[in-house]
Amino acid sequence: MEPQVIQEEYRVMDGPVGLSVVVGNAQFGLIDVRFLGSQTSLERKSNVVMLDLGQGGDLIGKTLMVRTIVSDVNPSTNRMIVTHVLSGGPENEVFTMRGEVEQENDFLLFRAEFTFTGAGA
């Protein structure tokens, strides 16, 4: 199964920047958040992550990688949804990823990369 992938830019301001990730459709997901190139996770949790990423000025030029492995545990649907919300820019932005597995109890990998830019970008 091919992973679901998005690559987006997010413009930040000088203040705090936050990320939330939610696995929906009553499925089970393991979420891993780290900066691209880092061997260390900022957070590794199941189903819901709410994380303070730091000050916007310190994040400019960095890319955040969010990997979520979603297992189909809901017998009513094989559909999967992962919602990412970034805050700390001019507006909060929502990035929704969807997928579906063919077989019951299968899994799917979602990978989101967010590159932080400044006001001039």
Protein backbone atom coordinates (compact mmCIF):
# COMPACT_ATOMS: atom_id res chain seq x y z
CA MET A 1 0.00 0.00 0.00
CA GLU A 2 1.32 3.41 -0.96
CA PRO A 3 1.68 5.92 1.88
CA GLN A 4 -0.46 9.04 1.85
CA VAL A 5 1.90 12.06 1.60
CA ILE A 6 1.51 15.83 1.77
CA GLN A 7 4.20 18.53 1.68
CA GLU A 8 3.08 22.01 2.67
CA GLU A 9 4.51 25.36 3.74
CA TYR A 10 3.23 27.19 6.79
CA ARG A 11 3.98 30.85 7.39
CA VAL A 12 4.73 31.60 11.05
CA MET A 13 4.73 34.77 13.11
CA ASP A 14 7.11 35.62 15.99
CA GLY A 15 5.02 33.99 18.74
CA PRO A 16 4.44 30.37 19.74
CA VAL A 17 3.64 27.77 17.09
CA GLY A 18 1.52 24.73 17.86
CA LEU A 19 0.54 21.48 16.21
CA SER A 20 -2.38 19.18 16.86
CA VAL A 21 -2.92 15.85 15.14
CA VAL A 22 -6.07 13.75 15.46
CA VAL A 23 -6.82 10.29 14.04
CA GLY A 24 -10.53 10.03 13.23
CA ASN A 25 -13.19 7.54 12.14
CA ALA A 26 -12.73 5.61 15.42
CA GLN A 27 -9.52 4.07 14.05
CA PHE A 28 -6.27 3.61 16.01
CA GLY A 29 -3.17 5.57 15.07
CA LEU A 30 0.39 5.94 16.32
CA ILE A 31 1.71 9.47 15.68
CA ASP A 32 5.43 10.35 15.54
CA VAL A 33 6.47 14.02 15.30
CA ARG A 34 10.04 15.16 14.61
CA PHE A 35 12.03 17.70 12.65
CA LEU A 36 13.30 16.37 9.33
CA GLY A 37 16.79 14.92 9.79
CA SER A 38 16.39 14.41 13.54
CA GLN A 39 16.63 10.98 15.12
CA THR A 40 14.68 12.17 18.17
CA SER A 41 10.90 12.39 18.35
CA LEU A 42 9.34 15.53 19.77
CA GLU A 43 6.29 13.43 20.57
CA ARG A 44 5.12 9.85 20.03
CA LYS A 45 1.56 9.12 21.08
CA SER A 46 -1.59 7.38 19.98
CA ASN A 47 -4.62 9.03 18.37
CA VAL A 48 -4.19 12.66 19.58
CA VAL A 49 -1.13 14.93 19.79
CA MET A 50 -1.12 18.54 20.98
CA LEU A 51 2.35 20.02 20.88
CA ASP A 52 4.08 23.39 21.37
CA LEU A 53 6.78 23.55 18.68
CA GLY A 54 8.52 26.71 19.87
CA GLN A 55 8.74 30.31 18.71
CA GLY A 56 7.99 31.09 15.07
CA GLY A 57 11.27 32.90 14.43
CA ASP A 58 13.23 29.84 15.59
CA LEU A 59 11.31 27.52 13.24
CA ILE A 60 11.79 29.40 9.95
CA GLY A 61 13.52 27.15 7.43
CA LYS A 62 12.87 23.96 9.41
CA THR A 63 10.65 21.13 8.21
CA LEU A 64 8.44 19.21 10.60
CA MET A 65 7.66 15.60 9.73
CA VAL A 66 4.56 13.89 11.12
CA ARG A 67 4.25 10.15 10.49
CA THR A 68 1.04 8.43 11.48
CA ILE A 69 0.39 4.71 11.14
CA VAL A 70 -3.36 4.10 11.24
CA SER A 71 -4.75 0.63 11.90
CA ASP A 72 -8.24 -0.30 10.79
CA VAL A 73 -9.92 -1.28 14.05
CA ASN A 74 -13.39 0.08 13.29
CA PRO A 75 -15.53 -2.77 11.90
CA SER A 76 -17.98 -0.26 10.36
CA THR A 77 -15.52 1.32 7.92
CA ASN A 78 -12.12 0.88 6.29
CA ARG A 79 -11.81 4.63 5.80
CA MET A 80 -9.18 6.59 7.67
CA ILE A 81 -8.66 10.28 8.35
CA VAL A 82 -5.79 12.21 9.94
CA THR A 83 -6.26 15.91 10.66
CA HIS A 84 -3.31 18.25 11.32
CA VAL A 85 -3.85 21.78 12.65
CA LEU A 86 -1.00 24.31 12.73
CA SER A 87 -1.33 27.49 14.78
CA GLY A 88 0.96 30.47 15.24
CA GLY A 89 0.74 31.94 11.77
CA PRO A 90 -1.54 34.66 10.44
CA GLU A 91 -4.28 32.00 10.55
CA ASN A 92 -4.59 28.48 11.86
CA GLU A 93 -4.44 26.01 8.99
CA VAL A 94 -6.07 22.60 8.80
CA PHE A 95 -4.57 19.83 6.65
CA THR A 96 -6.75 16.75 6.29
CA MET A 97 -5.49 13.46 4.89
CA ARG A 98 -7.76 10.59 3.92
CA GLY A 99 -7.20 6.99 2.99
CA GLU A 100 -8.89 3.64 2.84
CA VAL A 101 -7.61 0.10 3.19
CA GLU A 102 -8.95 -2.74 1.08
CA GLN A 103 -8.86 -5.43 3.74
CA GLU A 104 -10.28 -5.40 7.24
CA ASN A 105 -7.66 -4.84 10.00
CA ASP A 106 -5.04 -3.51 7.57
CA PHE A 107 -3.00 -0.34 8.15
CA LEU A 108 -1.96 2.76 6.23
CA LEU A 109 0.94 5.19 6.62
CA PHE A 110 0.30 8.93 6.47
CA ARG A 111 3.27 11.29 6.16
CA ALA A 112 2.99 15.06 6.39
CA GLU A 113 5.87 17.51 6.03
CA PHE A 114 5.42 21.14 6.99
CA THR A 115 8.16 23.66 6.13
CA PHE A 116 8.02 26.84 8.18
CA THR A 117 8.47 30.14 6.37
CA GLY A 118 8.58 33.74 7.54
CA ALA A 119 6.50 36.77 6.70
CA GLY A 120 8.48 37.55 3.55
CA ALA A 121 7.98 34.13 1.94
